[in-house]
Amino acid sequence: MSPQIPSLRLLANPEQARVSSSFFKTGTGQYGEGDRFLGIRMPVLRDYVKTHRGALTPARHKTLLKSPFHEERMVALLVWVYESEKSTEAGQDKIARAFLRAKVYANNWDLIDVSVPDLLGPSLYRRAPFMVAAFKKLLNSEKLWDRRIAILSTFHSIRKGDFEHVQIACASVLEDREDLIHKASGWMLREAGKRSPAVLRRFLKEHSGRMPRTMLRYAIERLPEPERKRWLKAPVLLQSATGFDTKIT
C-alpha cells in the first residue's frame, strides 16, 4: 500500500458494522449474503476519496474494488465516479467499459445507486453502441444486480430530459419478482415524472394495470394526492392460468 494513503480499516467502527450488516441484508439467503462491513459512513468515505484519490495507484484501486469489505469497494467506485465526471466522452466510455467488466463487485443496491448513473449514464445517453448493447443484456439478465444496474443507468438521461431508456427499462421489468427492482423502477419513473409529468402519465396509462404495487406507489409519489388515489384504485391486471388477462379491483 502507498504510504501516502492510510488504510480505510483504521476508520472501522464495529458497532456501525453490525448495524450495516443487518441493514444491507447479509444473512443467509438474503440479497447481500456474505458481505462484510467496516462500519464507515458515506460522508467519511467521500472525504477519504476527496483527500486521497490523487495518490491511489491502479493496483491499489483494483485491490479496493475486489475487497471483501463493502466500504472499500464503495471507495473504488467513487474514485471512478470522480474520474468520469472530469473525463472526455472517450474517457467516460473507457470507465464505463471498465465498470461493466467489474460489475460483479457492485453487488448491493447502494453501490449501484451511487455509481451507475455517473459511470454508465453518459455513455447510454450518447447511445454508444457498446452501452446500448450492454443495457439490453443487463435488462434481460437473471441477476438481480444486473437488472438494477440497467435501471439506474437511465438516471443520467432522465436528468438530461431524455426518457426513452427509462421507459424501455421500466416496461421490461413489469413482471419482475424482486422488490428491489420494483423500487428502482418506480424511483426512476418518479424522477422522469418530476421533469415531464406527461411522460409519466402516458406510461401509467399504458402500464399501470401491470405495475407491481411498490413500483406504482414510488412512481406516483410526486403527483397530486387526488390523482394518486385514482391510480391506486384503477383495476389491476393479473395473468390468468390460461394466459388471458383478468381484471381485479
Protein backbone atom coordinates (compact mmCIF):
# COMPACT_ATOMS: atom_id res chain seq x y z
CA MET A 1 0.00 0.00 0.00
CA SER A 2 1.21 3.50 -0.77
CA PRO A 3 2.45 5.17 2.41
CA GLN A 4 0.55 8.33 1.47
CA ILE A 5 -2.78 6.54 1.78
CA PRO A 6 -3.92 5.44 5.24
CA SER A 7 -5.88 2.22 5.36
CA LEU A 8 -9.65 2.58 5.49
CA ARG A 9 -9.63 -0.14 8.08
CA LEU A 10 -8.20 2.32 10.61
CA LEU A 11 -11.60 4.05 10.47
CA ALA A 12 -13.58 0.90 11.21
CA ASN A 13 -16.44 1.08 13.70
CA PRO A 14 -17.52 -2.43 14.84
CA GLU A 15 -20.89 -1.28 16.17
CA GLN A 16 -21.75 0.53 12.94
CA ALA A 17 -20.55 -2.51 11.02
CA ARG A 18 -23.13 -4.66 12.85
CA VAL A 19 -25.86 -2.15 12.01
CA SER A 20 -24.81 -2.04 8.34
CA SER A 21 -24.67 -5.82 8.09
CA SER A 22 -28.27 -6.01 9.25
CA PHE A 23 -29.48 -3.09 7.13
CA PHE A 24 -27.94 -4.44 3.93
CA LYS A 25 -29.35 -7.94 4.47
CA THR A 26 -26.16 -10.00 4.70
CA GLY A 27 -27.73 -13.06 6.30
CA THR A 28 -28.08 -16.49 4.70
CA GLY A 29 -30.42 -16.36 1.72
CA GLN A 30 -30.67 -12.56 1.77
CA TYR A 31 -29.68 -10.33 -1.13
CA GLY A 32 -26.41 -9.20 0.50
CA GLU A 33 -25.44 -12.63 1.80
CA GLY A 34 -21.84 -12.83 2.95
CA ASP A 35 -20.95 -9.16 2.52
CA ARG A 36 -18.66 -7.70 5.17
CA PHE A 37 -18.64 -4.16 6.59
CA LEU A 38 -16.07 -1.98 8.28
CA GLY A 39 -18.72 0.36 9.67
CA ILE A 40 -17.74 3.60 7.90
CA ARG A 41 -20.43 6.08 6.92
CA MET A 42 -20.75 7.60 3.44
CA PRO A 43 -19.62 11.16 4.34
CA VAL A 44 -16.37 9.72 5.70
CA LEU A 45 -15.88 7.62 2.57
CA ARG A 46 -16.44 10.64 0.33
CA ASP A 47 -13.94 12.68 2.35
CA TYR A 48 -11.44 9.84 2.06
CA VAL A 49 -11.81 9.80 -1.72
CA LYS A 50 -11.56 13.58 -1.95
CA THR A 51 -8.37 13.58 0.11
CA HIS A 52 -6.55 10.51 -1.24
CA ARG A 53 -7.74 9.81 -4.78
CA GLY A 54 -4.70 11.50 -6.34
CA ALA A 55 -2.32 9.09 -4.64
CA LEU A 56 -4.33 5.98 -5.44
CA THR A 57 -2.37 3.71 -7.75
CA PRO A 58 -4.14 1.49 -10.32
CA ALA A 59 -3.01 -1.55 -8.35
CA ARG A 60 -4.45 -0.18 -5.10
CA HIS A 61 -7.68 0.76 -6.86
CA LYS A 62 -8.01 -2.79 -8.16
CA THR A 63 -7.41 -4.16 -4.66
CA LEU A 64 -10.14 -1.93 -3.22
CA LEU A 65 -12.56 -2.84 -5.99
CA LYS A 66 -12.15 -6.55 -5.26
CA SER A 67 -12.15 -6.15 -1.48
CA PRO A 68 -14.37 -8.34 0.69
CA PHE A 69 -15.31 -5.16 2.56
CA HIS A 70 -18.25 -3.18 1.27
CA GLU A 71 -16.81 0.25 2.06
CA GLU A 72 -13.57 -0.42 0.22
CA ARG A 73 -15.50 -1.39 -2.91
CA MET A 74 -17.53 1.80 -2.48
CA VAL A 75 -14.34 3.89 -2.40
CA ALA A 76 -13.12 2.29 -5.65
CA LEU A 77 -16.43 3.08 -7.33
CA LEU A 78 -16.41 6.67 -6.02
CA VAL A 79 -12.94 7.16 -7.48
CA TRP A 80 -14.29 6.09 -10.87
CA VAL A 81 -17.23 8.48 -10.46
CA TYR A 82 -14.87 11.39 -9.83
CA GLU A 83 -12.70 10.43 -12.81
CA SER A 84 -15.72 10.07 -15.10
CA GLU A 85 -17.06 13.48 -14.14
CA LYS A 86 -13.73 15.02 -15.18
CA SER A 87 -13.26 12.95 -18.34
CA THR A 88 -13.84 13.46 -22.03
CA GLU A 89 -16.50 11.36 -23.75
CA ALA A 90 -13.82 8.86 -24.73
CA GLY A 91 -12.66 8.74 -21.12
CA GLN A 92 -16.18 8.20 -19.88
CA ASP A 93 -16.64 5.32 -22.30
CA LYS A 94 -13.37 3.78 -21.10
CA ILE A 95 -14.52 3.93 -17.48
CA ALA A 96 -17.95 2.58 -18.42
CA ARG A 97 -16.34 -0.41 -20.11
CA ALA A 98 -14.13 -0.97 -17.06
CA PHE A 99 -17.17 -0.90 -14.79
CA LEU A 100 -19.04 -3.38 -16.98
CA ARG A 101 -16.11 -5.79 -16.72
CA ALA A 102 -16.09 -5.36 -12.93
CA LYS A 103 -19.83 -5.06 -12.23
CA VAL A 104 -19.79 -8.22 -10.11
CA TYR A 105 -18.22 -6.13 -7.35
CA ALA A 106 -21.13 -3.65 -7.37
CA ASN A 107 -23.21 -6.21 -5.54
CA ASN A 108 -25.59 -4.22 -3.40
CA TRP A 109 -28.12 -1.52 -4.11
CA ASP A 110 -26.17 1.37 -2.59
CA LEU A 111 -23.02 0.54 -4.56
CA ILE A 112 -25.11 0.60 -7.73
CA ASP A 113 -27.17 3.67 -6.92
CA VAL A 114 -24.16 5.80 -6.00
CA SER A 115 -22.04 4.88 -9.02
CA VAL A 116 -24.01 3.65 -12.02
CA PRO A 117 -25.80 6.89 -13.03
CA ASP A 118 -22.41 8.58 -13.46
CA LEU A 119 -20.40 5.61 -14.72
CA LEU A 120 -22.78 4.20 -17.33
CA GLY A 121 -25.29 7.01 -17.74
CA PRO A 122 -23.29 9.33 -20.03
CA SER A 123 -22.44 6.55 -22.47
CA LEU A 124 -26.07 5.38 -22.58
CA TYR A 125 -27.29 8.95 -23.06
CA ARG A 126 -24.97 9.30 -26.07
CA ARG A 127 -26.14 5.87 -27.26
CA ALA A 128 -22.64 4.49 -27.53
CA PRO A 129 -23.14 1.14 -29.31
CA PHE A 130 -21.34 -0.91 -26.63
CA MET A 131 -23.52 0.65 -23.93
CA VAL A 132 -26.79 0.19 -25.79
CA ALA A 133 -25.92 -3.49 -26.21
CA ALA A 134 -24.93 -3.77 -22.54
CA PHE A 135 -28.15 -2.06 -21.45
CA LYS A 136 -30.27 -4.64 -23.27
CA LYS A 137 -28.21 -7.52 -21.93
CA LEU A 138 -28.39 -6.25 -18.35
CA LEU A 139 -32.16 -5.80 -18.55
CA ASN A 140 -32.58 -9.41 -19.66
CA SER A 141 -30.18 -10.83 -17.08
CA GLU A 142 -31.34 -13.30 -14.45
CA LYS A 143 -29.15 -11.50 -11.91
CA LEU A 144 -30.87 -9.00 -9.64
CA TRP A 145 -27.96 -6.57 -9.58
CA ASP A 146 -27.59 -6.57 -13.37
CA ARG A 147 -31.20 -5.50 -13.78
CA ARG A 148 -30.83 -2.81 -11.12
CA ILE A 149 -27.71 -1.55 -12.92
CA ALA A 150 -29.70 -1.29 -16.16
CA ILE A 151 -32.47 0.69 -14.47
CA LEU A 152 -30.11 3.09 -12.71
CA SER A 153 -28.11 3.65 -15.88
CA THR A 154 -31.10 5.64 -17.19
CA PHE A 155 -30.86 8.30 -14.47
CA HIS A 156 -28.34 10.46 -16.35
CA SER A 157 -30.59 10.53 -19.42
CA ILE A 158 -33.58 11.43 -17.25
CA ARG A 159 -31.65 14.39 -15.84
CA LYS A 160 -30.95 15.46 -19.43
CA GLY A 161 -34.63 15.26 -20.38
CA ASP A 162 -34.33 12.05 -22.42
CA PHE A 163 -36.90 9.49 -21.28
CA GLU A 164 -36.57 6.76 -23.90
CA HIS A 165 -34.40 4.36 -21.95
CA VAL A 166 -36.22 4.69 -18.63
CA GLN A 167 -39.46 3.74 -20.34
CA ILE A 168 -37.81 0.76 -22.02
CA ALA A 169 -36.29 -0.37 -18.73
CA CYS A 170 -39.43 0.01 -16.65
CA ALA A 171 -41.64 -1.68 -19.22
CA SER A 172 -39.18 -4.59 -19.28
CA VAL A 173 -39.43 -5.27 -15.53
CA LEU A 174 -43.20 -5.13 -15.07
CA GLU A 175 -43.25 -8.85 -14.29
CA ASP A 176 -40.10 -8.83 -12.16
CA ARG A 177 -40.46 -10.57 -8.79
CA GLU A 178 -37.80 -8.60 -6.91
CA ASP A 179 -38.84 -5.77 -4.61
CA LEU A 180 -35.51 -4.00 -5.18
CA ILE A 181 -36.36 -3.83 -8.87
CA HIS A 182 -39.87 -2.54 -8.15
CA LYS A 183 -38.37 0.23 -6.00
CA ALA A 184 -35.68 1.18 -8.51
CA SER A 185 -38.03 1.30 -11.49
CA GLY A 186 -40.65 3.25 -9.56
CA TRP A 187 -37.97 5.68 -8.41
CA MET A 188 -36.76 6.30 -11.97
CA LEU A 189 -40.31 6.81 -13.20
CA ARG A 190 -40.86 9.32 -10.39
CA GLU A 191 -37.71 11.17 -11.46
CA ALA A 192 -38.94 11.22 -15.05
CA GLY A 193 -42.32 12.49 -13.87
CA LYS A 194 -40.70 15.34 -11.94
CA ARG A 195 -39.28 16.59 -15.23
CA SER A 196 -42.13 15.58 -17.53
CA PRO A 197 -45.44 14.69 -15.88
CA ALA A 198 -46.83 13.95 -19.34
CA VAL A 199 -44.27 11.18 -19.90
CA LEU A 200 -45.12 9.60 -16.56
CA ARG A 201 -48.86 9.79 -17.17
CA ARG A 202 -48.51 8.18 -20.60
CA PHE A 203 -46.51 5.35 -19.06
CA LEU A 204 -49.08 4.91 -16.30
CA LYS A 205 -51.96 4.95 -18.76
CA GLU A 206 -50.35 2.15 -20.75
CA HIS A 207 -48.83 0.05 -17.97
CA SER A 208 -50.32 0.84 -14.56
CA GLY A 209 -52.52 -2.25 -14.59
CA ARG A 210 -49.43 -4.45 -14.74
CA MET A 211 -47.14 -2.47 -12.47
CA PRO A 212 -46.17 -4.07 -9.15
CA ARG A 213 -47.77 -2.10 -6.33
CA THR A 214 -44.45 -0.86 -4.95
CA MET A 215 -43.35 0.32 -8.37
CA LEU A 216 -46.64 2.18 -8.84
CA ARG A 217 -46.51 3.81 -5.41
CA TYR A 218 -42.97 5.05 -5.95
CA ALA A 219 -43.78 6.32 -9.45
CA ILE A 220 -46.79 8.42 -8.44
CA GLU A 221 -45.34 9.78 -5.19
CA ARG A 222 -45.00 13.36 -6.53
CA LEU A 223 -48.38 13.53 -8.26
CA PRO A 224 -51.26 15.42 -6.62
CA GLU A 225 -52.99 13.34 -3.95
CA PRO A 226 -56.36 13.04 -5.74
CA GLU A 227 -54.58 11.74 -8.83
CA ARG A 228 -52.51 9.29 -6.78
CA LYS A 229 -55.70 7.88 -5.30
CA ARG A 230 -57.19 7.42 -8.76
CA TRP A 231 -54.17 5.47 -9.98
CA LEU A 232 -54.16 3.29 -6.87
CA LYS A 233 -57.85 2.49 -7.32
CA ALA A 234 -57.51 1.60 -11.00
CA PRO A 235 -58.06 -2.06 -11.98
CA VAL A 236 -55.03 -4.31 -11.77
CA LEU A 237 -54.41 -6.92 -14.46
CA LEU A 238 -53.34 -10.41 -13.44
CA GLN A 239 -52.13 -13.07 -15.81
CA SER A 240 -54.53 -15.98 -15.57
CA ALA A 241 -53.57 -19.64 -15.80
CA THR A 242 -54.98 -19.77 -19.34
CA GLY A 243 -52.88 -16.81 -20.48
CA PHE A 244 -55.74 -14.30 -20.61
CA ASP A 245 -55.80 -11.06 -18.67
CA THR A 246 -58.11 -10.92 -15.70
CA LYS A 247 -59.13 -7.63 -14.11
CA ILE A 248 -59.36 -7.24 -10.36
CA THR A 249 -60.07 -4.15 -8.32
